[in-house]
Amino acid sequence: VAKVIRSDPQRAQVDISSKRISEEEKRAKLEQVRRRERAKKLLEHAKRLVKSRHNVEKIIEQLENYYGEDVLGLFEEVLDDEHVLDEAPIPDKIKPALIEVVKKSIKKSYVTIRAEIELKCRGGNGVEKIKTLFKGLEDNVIYIGAPHYRIEIQAEDYKEGNKKMEKLLNDMQRKAKRLDCEMEWEIVRLNK
């Protein structure tokens, strides 16, 4: 990765420097190239499926001119809305195959938000009270050992996941007070 310092078309000369580029710029450019190549491969695969003779490089350039540099980002949007490609300069023959290839090849990334809970119920029938508190969350609750529990939820990003988890925990805390239980919790974020 290098940076163009100056160019002189009359002398057909270009001065470049690999030292005047920061690590962050270098990393960003390499990521951009990697994402472009991935988009190109997906488009080539779709082209092969429909046995088309269109030039993939030309389609990628048209997409970059129309949507900007991140063509893979455009393809990732197909996971949420297939109609994103309706206006795209992609041959109609290739579009359905591309949508199919994208759905098979690109997986949405999720984050796991985990909450560690300490729950103590006073009085009788504590087990029933705890079951009432965790009602509807059976798939997401892990019993660690009395009085410790763990709840895990998945979300598209941390902000959304934290909001969802805090709402859930605050609702549980209100229920716990009504049921004469003490509840303490801590949120932990994980990548998956």
N, C-alpha and C. Protein backbone atom coordinates (compact mmCIF):
# COMPACT_ATOMS: atom_id res chain seq x y z
N VAL A 1 0.86 -1.16 0.00
CA VAL A 1 0.00 0.00 0.00
C VAL A 1 0.91 1.23 0.00
N ALA A 2 0.64 2.15 -0.93
CA ALA A 2 1.44 3.36 -1.04
C ALA A 2 0.54 4.55 -1.32
N LYS A 3 1.08 5.73 -1.11
CA LYS A 3 0.34 6.97 -1.32
C LYS A 3 0.98 7.73 -2.48
N VAL A 4 0.14 8.24 -3.39
CA VAL A 4 0.65 9.04 -4.50
C VAL A 4 0.97 10.43 -3.97
N ILE A 5 2.20 10.85 -4.13
CA ILE A 5 2.65 12.15 -3.65
C ILE A 5 2.40 13.21 -4.73
N ARG A 6 2.85 12.94 -5.95
CA ARG A 6 2.58 13.84 -7.08
C ARG A 6 2.70 13.04 -8.37
N SER A 7 2.07 13.55 -9.41
CA SER A 7 2.17 12.90 -10.72
C SER A 7 2.44 13.96 -11.78
N ASP A 8 3.24 13.61 -12.74
CA ASP A 8 3.58 14.51 -13.85
C ASP A 8 3.23 13.79 -15.15
N PRO A 9 2.03 14.09 -15.72
CA PRO A 9 1.60 13.38 -16.93
C PRO A 9 2.52 13.64 -18.13
N GLN A 10 3.16 14.82 -18.19
CA GLN A 10 4.02 15.12 -19.33
C GLN A 10 5.25 14.23 -19.34
N ARG A 11 5.75 13.92 -18.17
CA ARG A 11 6.94 13.07 -18.09
C ARG A 11 6.56 11.61 -17.84
N ALA A 12 5.25 11.33 -17.70
CA ALA A 12 4.75 9.98 -17.39
C ALA A 12 5.43 9.46 -16.13
N GLN A 13 5.41 10.30 -15.10
CA GLN A 13 6.08 9.96 -13.85
C GLN A 13 5.11 10.12 -12.68
N VAL A 14 5.16 9.16 -11.76
CA VAL A 14 4.34 9.21 -10.56
C VAL A 14 5.25 8.97 -9.36
N ASP A 15 5.20 9.87 -8.39
CA ASP A 15 5.98 9.71 -7.16
C ASP A 15 5.06 9.13 -6.10
N ILE A 16 5.49 8.01 -5.49
CA ILE A 16 4.69 7.39 -4.43
C ILE A 16 5.55 7.18 -3.19
N SER A 17 4.88 7.04 -2.06
CA SER A 17 5.59 6.81 -0.80
C SER A 17 4.83 5.79 0.03
N SER A 18 5.54 4.81 0.53
CA SER A 18 4.91 3.84 1.43
C SER A 18 5.10 4.24 2.89
N LYS A 19 5.98 5.22 3.13
CA LYS A 19 6.25 5.66 4.50
C LYS A 19 5.30 6.75 4.96
N ARG A 20 4.71 7.48 4.02
CA ARG A 20 3.82 8.59 4.39
C ARG A 20 2.38 8.14 4.59
N ILE A 21 2.19 6.87 4.75
CA ILE A 21 0.84 6.34 4.97
C ILE A 21 0.79 5.74 6.37
N SER A 22 -0.26 6.07 7.10
CA SER A 22 -0.38 5.57 8.48
C SER A 22 -0.86 4.12 8.47
N GLU A 23 -0.66 3.45 9.59
CA GLU A 23 -1.11 2.06 9.73
C GLU A 23 -2.62 1.95 9.57
N GLU A 24 -3.33 2.95 10.08
CA GLU A 24 -4.79 2.95 9.98
C GLU A 24 -5.24 3.06 8.52
N GLU A 25 -4.61 3.95 7.76
CA GLU A 25 -4.94 4.09 6.33
C GLU A 25 -4.62 2.81 5.58
N LYS A 26 -3.50 2.21 5.92
CA LYS A 26 -3.08 0.97 5.28
C LYS A 26 -4.08 -0.15 5.55
N ARG A 27 -4.48 -0.27 6.81
CA ARG A 27 -5.44 -1.29 7.21
C ARG A 27 -6.79 -1.07 6.52
N ALA A 28 -7.23 0.19 6.46
CA ALA A 28 -8.51 0.51 5.83
C ALA A 28 -8.49 0.17 4.33
N LYS A 29 -7.38 0.47 3.66
CA LYS A 29 -7.28 0.20 2.23
C LYS A 29 -7.26 -1.31 1.98
N LEU A 30 -6.52 -2.05 2.79
CA LEU A 30 -6.47 -3.51 2.63
C LEU A 30 -7.85 -4.13 2.87
N GLU A 31 -8.59 -3.61 3.85
CA GLU A 31 -9.95 -4.09 4.12
C GLU A 31 -10.87 -3.78 2.95
N GLN A 32 -10.72 -2.59 2.38
CA GLN A 32 -11.53 -2.20 1.22
C GLN A 32 -11.25 -3.13 0.04
N VAL A 33 -10.00 -3.44 -0.20
CA VAL A 33 -9.63 -4.35 -1.30
C VAL A 33 -10.18 -5.75 -1.03
N ARG A 34 -10.08 -6.20 0.21
CA ARG A 34 -10.59 -7.53 0.57
C ARG A 34 -12.10 -7.61 0.35
N ARG A 35 -12.83 -6.57 0.76
CA ARG A 35 -14.28 -6.55 0.60
C ARG A 35 -14.67 -6.49 -0.89
N ARG A 36 -13.89 -5.75 -1.68
CA ARG A 36 -14.17 -5.67 -3.12
C ARG A 36 -13.99 -7.04 -3.77
N GLU A 37 -12.90 -7.73 -3.38
CA GLU A 37 -12.65 -9.06 -3.94
C GLU A 37 -13.75 -10.05 -3.54
N ARG A 38 -14.22 -9.93 -2.31
CA ARG A 38 -15.31 -10.81 -1.86
C ARG A 38 -16.59 -10.55 -2.67
N ALA A 39 -16.90 -9.28 -2.92
CA ALA A 39 -18.08 -8.94 -3.72
C ALA A 39 -17.92 -9.46 -5.15
N LYS A 40 -16.72 -9.35 -5.66
CA LYS A 40 -16.43 -9.84 -7.01
C LYS A 40 -16.64 -11.35 -7.10
N LYS A 41 -16.16 -12.07 -6.09
CA LYS A 41 -16.32 -13.54 -6.06
C LYS A 41 -17.80 -13.92 -6.00
N LEU A 42 -18.58 -13.22 -5.19
CA LEU A 42 -20.02 -13.51 -5.10
C LEU A 42 -20.70 -13.28 -6.44
N LEU A 43 -20.34 -12.19 -7.10
CA LEU A 43 -20.91 -11.89 -8.41
C LEU A 43 -20.49 -12.92 -9.45
N GLU A 44 -19.23 -13.36 -9.40
CA GLU A 44 -18.75 -14.40 -10.33
C GLU A 44 -19.51 -15.70 -10.12
N HIS A 45 -19.75 -16.04 -8.86
CA HIS A 45 -20.48 -17.27 -8.55
C HIS A 45 -21.91 -17.20 -9.10
N ALA A 46 -22.56 -16.06 -8.92
CA ALA A 46 -23.92 -15.88 -9.44
C ALA A 46 -23.92 -15.95 -10.97
N LYS A 47 -22.90 -15.36 -11.57
CA LYS A 47 -22.77 -15.39 -13.04
C LYS A 47 -22.63 -16.82 -13.55
N ARG A 48 -21.82 -17.62 -12.85
CA ARG A 48 -21.64 -19.03 -13.25
C ARG A 48 -22.93 -19.82 -13.12
N LEU A 49 -23.72 -19.52 -12.07
CA LEU A 49 -24.98 -20.25 -11.87
C LEU A 49 -25.95 -20.06 -13.04
N VAL A 50 -25.99 -18.85 -13.59
CA VAL A 50 -26.93 -18.58 -14.69
C VAL A 50 -26.25 -18.67 -16.06
N LYS A 51 -24.98 -19.07 -16.06
CA LYS A 51 -24.20 -19.22 -17.29
C LYS A 51 -24.24 -17.96 -18.15
N SER A 52 -23.92 -16.85 -17.52
CA SER A 52 -23.92 -15.55 -18.19
C SER A 52 -22.52 -15.23 -18.69
N ARG A 53 -22.43 -14.37 -19.71
CA ARG A 53 -21.13 -13.96 -20.26
C ARG A 53 -20.79 -12.50 -19.90
N HIS A 54 -21.51 -11.92 -18.99
CA HIS A 54 -21.26 -10.53 -18.61
C HIS A 54 -19.90 -10.41 -17.93
N ASN A 55 -19.27 -9.25 -18.08
CA ASN A 55 -17.98 -8.97 -17.48
C ASN A 55 -18.18 -8.53 -16.03
N VAL A 56 -17.71 -9.34 -15.10
CA VAL A 56 -17.89 -9.09 -13.67
C VAL A 56 -17.19 -7.80 -13.25
N GLU A 57 -15.99 -7.58 -13.75
CA GLU A 57 -15.23 -6.37 -13.39
C GLU A 57 -15.98 -5.11 -13.81
N LYS A 58 -16.61 -5.15 -14.96
CA LYS A 58 -17.37 -3.99 -15.44
C LYS A 58 -18.61 -3.76 -14.57
N ILE A 59 -19.27 -4.84 -14.16
CA ILE A 59 -20.45 -4.72 -13.28
C ILE A 59 -20.04 -4.12 -11.94
N ILE A 60 -18.92 -4.60 -11.38
CA ILE A 60 -18.41 -4.07 -10.10
C ILE A 60 -18.12 -2.58 -10.23
N GLU A 61 -17.47 -2.17 -11.31
CA GLU A 61 -17.17 -0.75 -11.51
C GLU A 61 -18.45 0.07 -11.60
N GLN A 62 -19.46 -0.43 -12.31
CA GLN A 62 -20.74 0.28 -12.42
C GLN A 62 -21.39 0.40 -11.04
N LEU A 63 -21.33 -0.67 -10.25
CA LEU A 63 -21.90 -0.63 -8.90
C LEU A 63 -21.15 0.38 -8.03
N GLU A 64 -19.82 0.42 -8.15
CA GLU A 64 -19.04 1.38 -7.37
C GLU A 64 -19.37 2.82 -7.78
N ASN A 65 -19.58 3.05 -9.07
CA ASN A 65 -19.95 4.39 -9.53
C ASN A 65 -21.34 4.76 -9.04
N TYR A 66 -22.23 3.80 -8.97
CA TYR A 66 -23.62 4.05 -8.60
C TYR A 66 -23.82 4.13 -7.09
N TYR A 67 -23.15 3.23 -6.33
CA TYR A 67 -23.39 3.12 -4.88
C TYR A 67 -22.20 3.52 -4.01
N GLY A 68 -21.03 3.66 -4.59
CA GLY A 68 -19.84 3.95 -3.79
C GLY A 68 -18.94 2.73 -3.71
N GLU A 69 -17.88 2.87 -2.95
CA GLU A 69 -16.82 1.86 -2.92
C GLU A 69 -17.22 0.52 -2.30
N ASP A 70 -18.15 0.52 -1.35
CA ASP A 70 -18.45 -0.71 -0.60
C ASP A 70 -19.58 -1.51 -1.25
N VAL A 71 -19.23 -2.27 -2.28
CA VAL A 71 -20.22 -3.09 -2.99
C VAL A 71 -20.66 -4.26 -2.11
N LEU A 72 -19.74 -4.81 -1.32
CA LEU A 72 -20.10 -5.90 -0.42
C LEU A 72 -21.13 -5.43 0.59
N GLY A 73 -21.02 -4.19 1.05
CA GLY A 73 -22.02 -3.61 1.96
C GLY A 73 -23.39 -3.58 1.31
N LEU A 74 -23.45 -3.27 0.03
CA LEU A 74 -24.71 -3.29 -0.71
C LEU A 74 -25.27 -4.71 -0.73
N PHE A 75 -24.40 -5.69 -0.99
CA PHE A 75 -24.85 -7.08 -1.01
C PHE A 75 -25.34 -7.52 0.37
N GLU A 76 -24.69 -7.03 1.44
CA GLU A 76 -25.11 -7.38 2.80
C GLU A 76 -26.50 -6.83 3.11
N GLU A 77 -26.84 -5.70 2.51
CA GLU A 77 -28.18 -5.12 2.70
C GLU A 77 -29.27 -6.01 2.10
N VAL A 78 -28.90 -6.86 1.15
CA VAL A 78 -29.86 -7.78 0.54
C VAL A 78 -30.44 -8.73 1.58
N LEU A 79 -29.69 -9.02 2.63
CA LEU A 79 -30.19 -9.90 3.70
C LEU A 79 -31.43 -9.32 4.36
N ASP A 80 -31.49 -7.98 4.46
CA ASP A 80 -32.64 -7.32 5.07
C ASP A 80 -33.73 -7.01 4.05
N ASP A 81 -33.34 -6.64 2.83
CA ASP A 81 -34.31 -6.21 1.82
C ASP A 81 -33.80 -6.59 0.43
N GLU A 82 -34.45 -7.55 -0.21
CA GLU A 82 -34.04 -8.01 -1.54
C GLU A 82 -34.21 -6.94 -2.61
N HIS A 83 -35.08 -5.97 -2.36
CA HIS A 83 -35.37 -4.95 -3.36
C HIS A 83 -34.28 -3.88 -3.45
N VAL A 84 -33.24 -4.01 -2.64
CA VAL A 84 -32.12 -3.06 -2.70
C VAL A 84 -31.48 -3.10 -4.08
N LEU A 85 -31.48 -4.26 -4.71
CA LEU A 85 -30.83 -4.42 -6.01
C LEU A 85 -31.73 -4.07 -7.19
N ASP A 86 -32.98 -3.65 -6.95
CA ASP A 86 -33.90 -3.35 -8.05
C ASP A 86 -33.35 -2.29 -8.99
N GLU A 87 -32.76 -1.23 -8.44
CA GLU A 87 -32.24 -0.13 -9.25
C GLU A 87 -30.77 -0.32 -9.62
N ALA A 88 -30.14 -1.34 -9.10
CA ALA A 88 -28.71 -1.56 -9.31
C ALA A 88 -28.42 -1.92 -10.77
N PRO A 89 -27.28 -1.44 -11.29
CA PRO A 89 -26.90 -1.76 -12.66
C PRO A 89 -26.33 -3.17 -12.80
N ILE A 90 -27.16 -4.15 -12.45
CA ILE A 90 -26.79 -5.56 -12.57
C ILE A 90 -27.75 -6.17 -13.58
N PRO A 91 -27.24 -6.97 -14.52
CA PRO A 91 -28.13 -7.59 -15.51
C PRO A 91 -29.25 -8.39 -14.81
N ASP A 92 -30.47 -8.24 -15.34
CA ASP A 92 -31.64 -8.89 -14.73
C ASP A 92 -31.48 -10.40 -14.62
N LYS A 93 -30.74 -10.98 -15.53
CA LYS A 93 -30.52 -12.43 -15.52
C LYS A 93 -29.73 -12.87 -14.27
N ILE A 94 -28.83 -12.01 -13.82
CA ILE A 94 -27.94 -12.35 -12.70
C ILE A 94 -28.56 -12.04 -11.34
N LYS A 95 -29.45 -11.05 -11.24
CA LYS A 95 -29.98 -10.58 -9.95
C LYS A 95 -30.54 -11.69 -9.07
N PRO A 96 -31.47 -12.55 -9.58
CA PRO A 96 -32.01 -13.59 -8.68
C PRO A 96 -30.93 -14.56 -8.16
N ALA A 97 -29.98 -14.90 -9.04
CA ALA A 97 -28.90 -15.80 -8.62
C ALA A 97 -28.01 -15.11 -7.59
N LEU A 98 -27.76 -13.82 -7.77
CA LEU A 98 -26.93 -13.07 -6.82
C LEU A 98 -27.60 -13.02 -5.45
N ILE A 99 -28.89 -12.78 -5.43
CA ILE A 99 -29.63 -12.75 -4.15
C ILE A 99 -29.51 -14.10 -3.45
N GLU A 100 -29.65 -15.17 -4.20
CA GLU A 100 -29.53 -16.53 -3.64
C GLU A 100 -28.13 -16.78 -3.10
N VAL A 101 -27.11 -16.40 -3.86
CA VAL A 101 -25.72 -16.60 -3.45
C VAL A 101 -25.40 -15.79 -2.20
N VAL A 102 -25.88 -14.54 -2.16
CA VAL A 102 -25.62 -13.67 -1.00
C VAL A 102 -26.26 -14.27 0.24
N LYS A 103 -27.49 -14.75 0.13
CA LYS A 103 -28.17 -15.32 1.30
C LYS A 103 -27.48 -16.57 1.81
N LYS A 104 -26.86 -17.34 0.93
CA LYS A 104 -26.15 -18.54 1.35
C LYS A 104 -24.77 -18.22 1.91
N SER A 105 -24.12 -17.20 1.35
CA SER A 105 -22.72 -16.95 1.66
C SER A 105 -22.47 -15.97 2.80
N ILE A 106 -23.36 -15.00 2.97
CA ILE A 106 -23.12 -13.96 3.98
C ILE A 106 -24.03 -14.21 5.17
N LYS A 107 -23.43 -14.29 6.32
CA LYS A 107 -24.19 -14.47 7.56
C LYS A 107 -24.12 -13.16 8.33
N LYS A 108 -25.25 -12.77 8.90
CA LYS A 108 -25.26 -11.57 9.73
C LYS A 108 -24.45 -11.82 10.99
N SER A 109 -23.75 -10.81 11.43
CA SER A 109 -23.00 -10.97 12.67
C SER A 109 -23.87 -10.53 13.84
N TYR A 110 -23.74 -11.24 14.92
CA TYR A 110 -24.50 -10.95 16.13
C TYR A 110 -23.54 -10.84 17.29
N VAL A 111 -23.99 -10.11 18.29
CA VAL A 111 -23.26 -10.05 19.55
C VAL A 111 -24.12 -10.73 20.60
N THR A 112 -23.47 -11.33 21.56
CA THR A 112 -24.19 -11.97 22.65
C THR A 112 -24.04 -11.10 23.89
N ILE A 113 -25.16 -10.77 24.47
CA ILE A 113 -25.18 -9.99 25.70
C ILE A 113 -25.56 -10.95 26.81
N ARG A 114 -24.73 -10.99 27.84
CA ARG A 114 -24.95 -11.92 28.94
C ARG A 114 -25.15 -11.14 30.23
N ALA A 115 -26.07 -11.58 31.04
CA ALA A 115 -26.28 -10.97 32.35
C ALA A 115 -26.12 -12.06 33.41
N GLU A 116 -25.31 -11.75 34.40
CA GLU A 116 -25.13 -12.64 35.55
C GLU A 116 -26.10 -12.15 36.63
N ILE A 117 -26.95 -13.04 37.12
CA ILE A 117 -27.99 -12.66 38.07
C ILE A 117 -27.82 -13.43 39.38
N GLU A 118 -28.01 -12.71 40.48
CA GLU A 118 -28.06 -13.35 41.79
C GLU A 118 -29.47 -13.12 42.31
N LEU A 119 -30.17 -14.20 42.58
CA LEU A 119 -31.60 -14.13 42.92
C LEU A 119 -31.88 -14.90 44.20
N LYS A 120 -32.43 -14.21 45.19
CA LYS A 120 -32.77 -14.84 46.47
C LYS A 120 -34.23 -14.52 46.78
N CYS A 121 -35.00 -15.56 47.06
CA CYS A 121 -36.42 -15.38 47.39
C CYS A 121 -36.64 -15.76 48.86
N ARG A 122 -37.28 -14.87 49.57
CA ARG A 122 -37.58 -15.09 50.98
C ARG A 122 -38.93 -15.78 51.10
N GLY A 123 -39.12 -16.44 52.21
CA GLY A 123 -40.41 -17.08 52.46
C GLY A 123 -40.50 -18.43 51.74
N GLY A 124 -41.71 -18.96 51.72
CA GLY A 124 -41.94 -20.27 51.11
C GLY A 124 -42.02 -20.19 49.59
N ASN A 125 -42.16 -21.32 49.01
CA ASN A 125 -42.26 -21.58 47.57
C ASN A 125 -41.34 -20.69 46.71
N GLY A 126 -40.07 -20.61 47.08
CA GLY A 126 -39.08 -19.83 46.34
C GLY A 126 -38.86 -20.33 44.93
N VAL A 127 -38.90 -21.66 44.76
CA VAL A 127 -38.70 -22.24 43.43
C VAL A 127 -39.80 -21.77 42.49
N GLU A 128 -41.04 -21.76 42.97
CA GLU A 128 -42.16 -21.31 42.15
C GLU A 128 -42.02 -19.83 41.78
N LYS A 129 -41.54 -19.03 42.72
CA LYS A 129 -41.33 -17.61 42.46
C LYS A 129 -40.27 -17.41 41.37
N ILE A 130 -39.19 -18.18 41.46
CA ILE A 130 -38.11 -18.09 40.47
C ILE A 130 -38.61 -18.53 39.10
N LYS A 131 -39.40 -19.61 39.06
CA LYS A 131 -39.98 -20.06 37.79
C LYS A 131 -40.86 -18.97 37.19
N THR A 132 -41.61 -18.28 38.03
CA THR A 132 -42.47 -17.19 37.57
C THR A 132 -41.63 -16.06 36.97
N LEU A 133 -40.51 -15.75 37.63
CA LEU A 133 -39.64 -14.69 37.14
C LEU A 133 -39.04 -15.01 35.76
N PHE A 134 -38.67 -16.26 35.56
CA PHE A 134 -38.02 -16.67 34.31
C PHE A 134 -39.00 -17.19 33.26
N LYS A 135 -40.29 -17.04 33.52
CA LYS A 135 -41.30 -17.54 32.58
C LYS A 135 -41.13 -16.83 31.22
N GLY A 136 -41.07 -17.61 30.17
CA GLY A 136 -40.89 -17.08 28.82
C GLY A 136 -39.43 -16.96 28.41
N LEU A 137 -38.53 -17.14 29.36
CA LEU A 137 -37.09 -17.01 29.07
C LEU A 137 -36.36 -18.35 29.18
N GLU A 138 -37.09 -19.44 29.26
CA GLU A 138 -36.50 -20.74 29.55
C GLU A 138 -35.31 -21.07 28.65
N ASP A 139 -35.37 -20.70 27.35
CA ASP A 139 -34.29 -21.03 26.42
C ASP A 139 -33.04 -20.19 26.65
N ASN A 140 -33.20 -19.04 27.28
CA ASN A 140 -32.07 -18.12 27.46
C ASN A 140 -31.48 -18.14 28.85
N VAL A 141 -32.06 -18.90 29.77
CA VAL A 141 -31.60 -18.91 31.17
C VAL A 141 -30.74 -20.14 31.42
N ILE A 142 -29.61 -19.90 32.09
CA ILE A 142 -28.72 -21.00 32.47
C ILE A 142 -28.60 -20.97 33.99
N TYR A 143 -28.83 -22.11 34.61
CA TYR A 143 -28.71 -22.24 36.06
C TYR A 143 -27.25 -22.55 36.38
N ILE A 144 -26.62 -21.66 37.13
CA ILE A 144 -25.22 -21.85 37.49
C ILE A 144 -25.11 -22.58 38.82
N GLY A 145 -25.93 -22.23 39.74
CA GLY A 145 -25.94 -22.81 41.08
C GLY A 145 -26.57 -21.78 42.00
N ALA A 146 -27.40 -22.25 42.92
CA ALA A 146 -28.16 -21.34 43.77
C ALA A 146 -27.23 -20.33 44.41
N PRO A 147 -27.52 -19.09 44.41
CA PRO A 147 -28.62 -18.34 43.81
C PRO A 147 -28.21 -17.66 42.49
N HIS A 148 -27.31 -18.27 41.71
CA HIS A 148 -26.75 -17.63 40.52
C HIS A 148 -27.35 -18.19 39.23
N TYR A 149 -27.70 -17.25 38.33
CA TYR A 149 -28.29 -17.59 37.03
C TYR A 149 -27.62 -16.73 35.96
N ARG A 150 -27.74 -17.16 34.72
CA ARG A 150 -27.19 -16.40 33.60
C ARG A 150 -28.25 -16.32 32.51
N ILE A 151 -28.42 -15.13 31.95
CA ILE A 151 -29.33 -14.94 30.82
C ILE A 151 -28.49 -14.47 29.64
N GLU A 152 -28.71 -15.06 28.47
CA GLU A 152 -28.01 -14.64 27.26
C GLU A 152 -29.02 -14.29 26.18
N ILE A 153 -28.78 -13.15 25.53
CA ILE A 153 -29.59 -12.79 24.37
C ILE A 153 -28.65 -12.37 23.25
N GLN A 154 -29.14 -12.47 22.01
CA GLN A 154 -28.35 -12.04 20.87
C GLN A 154 -29.00 -10.83 20.23
N ALA A 155 -28.16 -9.94 19.70
CA ALA A 155 -28.65 -8.75 19.01
C ALA A 155 -27.67 -8.41 17.90
N GLU A 156 -28.11 -7.52 17.01
CA GLU A 156 -27.25 -7.14 15.88
C GLU A 156 -26.09 -6.25 16.33
N ASP A 157 -26.28 -5.46 17.38
CA ASP A 157 -25.19 -4.63 17.88
C ASP A 157 -25.33 -4.46 19.39
N TYR A 158 -24.26 -3.97 20.01
CA TYR A 158 -24.23 -3.84 21.46
C TYR A 158 -25.30 -2.88 21.98
N LYS A 159 -25.48 -1.77 21.30
CA LYS A 159 -26.42 -0.77 21.77
C LYS A 159 -27.83 -1.36 21.85
N GLU A 160 -28.25 -2.02 20.78
CA GLU A 160 -29.58 -2.64 20.75
C GLU A 160 -29.68 -3.74 21.80
N GLY A 161 -28.63 -4.56 21.92
CA GLY A 161 -28.62 -5.65 22.88
C GLY A 161 -28.66 -5.17 24.32
N ASN A 162 -27.89 -4.12 24.62
CA ASN A 162 -27.91 -3.58 25.98
C ASN A 162 -29.27 -3.02 26.35
N LYS A 163 -29.91 -2.31 25.42
CA LYS A 163 -31.25 -1.78 25.69
C LYS A 163 -32.23 -2.91 25.97
N LYS A 164 -32.17 -3.94 25.13
CA LYS A 164 -33.07 -5.08 25.28
C LYS A 164 -32.84 -5.78 26.63
N MET A 165 -31.56 -5.99 26.98
CA MET A 165 -31.22 -6.68 28.22
C MET A 165 -31.62 -5.84 29.43
N GLU A 166 -31.35 -4.54 29.40
CA GLU A 166 -31.70 -3.69 30.54
C GLU A 166 -33.20 -3.63 30.75
N LYS A 167 -33.96 -3.56 29.68
CA LYS A 167 -35.43 -3.56 29.79
C LYS A 167 -35.90 -4.87 30.42
N LEU A 168 -35.35 -5.98 29.95
CA LEU A 168 -35.71 -7.29 30.47
C LEU A 168 -35.37 -7.39 31.96
N LEU A 169 -34.17 -6.97 32.33
CA LEU A 169 -33.74 -7.07 33.72
C LEU A 169 -34.52 -6.13 34.64
N ASN A 170 -34.83 -4.93 34.17
CA ASN A 170 -35.63 -4.00 34.98
C ASN A 170 -37.04 -4.54 35.19
N ASP A 171 -37.63 -5.14 34.15
CA ASP A 171 -38.95 -5.77 34.31
C ASP A 171 -38.88 -6.92 35.32
N MET A 172 -37.81 -7.73 35.22
CA MET A 172 -37.64 -8.84 36.16
C MET A 172 -37.45 -8.32 37.58
N GLN A 173 -36.73 -7.22 37.72
CA GLN A 173 -36.49 -6.66 39.06
C GLN A 173 -37.80 -6.19 39.69
N ARG A 174 -38.66 -5.57 38.89
CA ARG A 174 -39.97 -5.15 39.41
C ARG A 174 -40.81 -6.36 39.84
N LYS A 175 -40.79 -7.41 39.02
CA LYS A 175 -41.52 -8.64 39.38
C LYS A 175 -40.94 -9.25 40.65
N ALA A 176 -39.60 -9.24 40.75
CA ALA A 176 -38.94 -9.82 41.92
C ALA A 176 -39.36 -9.11 43.20
N LYS A 177 -39.46 -7.78 43.15
CA LYS A 177 -39.89 -7.03 44.35
C LYS A 177 -41.31 -7.41 44.74
N ARG A 178 -42.19 -7.56 43.75
CA ARG A 178 -43.57 -7.96 44.05
C ARG A 178 -43.65 -9.35 44.65
N LEU A 179 -42.71 -10.22 44.24
CA LEU A 179 -42.69 -11.60 44.74
C LEU A 179 -41.84 -11.75 46.01
N ASP A 180 -41.37 -10.65 46.58
CA ASP A 180 -40.56 -10.65 47.78
C ASP A 180 -39.24 -11.39 47.55
N CYS A 181 -38.55 -11.02 46.43
CA CYS A 181 -37.26 -11.61 46.09
C CYS A 181 -36.23 -10.49 45.94
N GLU A 182 -34.98 -10.81 46.21
CA GLU A 182 -33.88 -9.87 46.01
C GLU A 182 -33.16 -10.27 44.73
N MET A 183 -32.89 -9.28 43.89
CA MET A 183 -32.23 -9.57 42.61
C MET A 183 -31.13 -8.55 42.37
N GLU A 184 -29.93 -9.06 42.08
CA GLU A 184 -28.80 -8.23 41.68
C GLU A 184 -28.31 -8.77 40.35
N TRP A 185 -27.85 -7.86 39.47
CA TRP A 185 -27.41 -8.31 38.16
C TRP A 185 -26.26 -7.46 37.62
N GLU A 186 -25.52 -8.06 36.67
CA GLU A 186 -24.42 -7.39 36.00
C GLU A 186 -24.45 -7.84 34.54
N ILE A 187 -24.31 -6.89 33.62
CA ILE A 187 -24.32 -7.19 32.18
C ILE A 187 -22.89 -7.38 31.68
N VAL A 188 -22.71 -8.43 30.86
CA VAL A 188 -21.42 -8.74 30.25
C VAL A 188 -21.65 -8.85 28.75
N ARG A 189 -20.78 -8.26 27.93
CA ARG A 189 -20.92 -8.33 26.48
C ARG A 189 -19.92 -9.34 25.92
N LEU A 190 -20.37 -10.10 24.94
CA LEU A 190 -19.51 -11.09 24.29
C LEU A 190 -19.63 -10.97 22.78
N ASN A 191 -18.57 -11.28 22.05
CA ASN A 191 -18.63 -11.38 20.58
C ASN A 191 -18.88 -12.82 20.19
N LYS A 192 -19.67 -13.00 19.13
CA LYS A 192 -19.85 -14.35 18.59
C LYS A 192 -19.92 -14.28 17.12
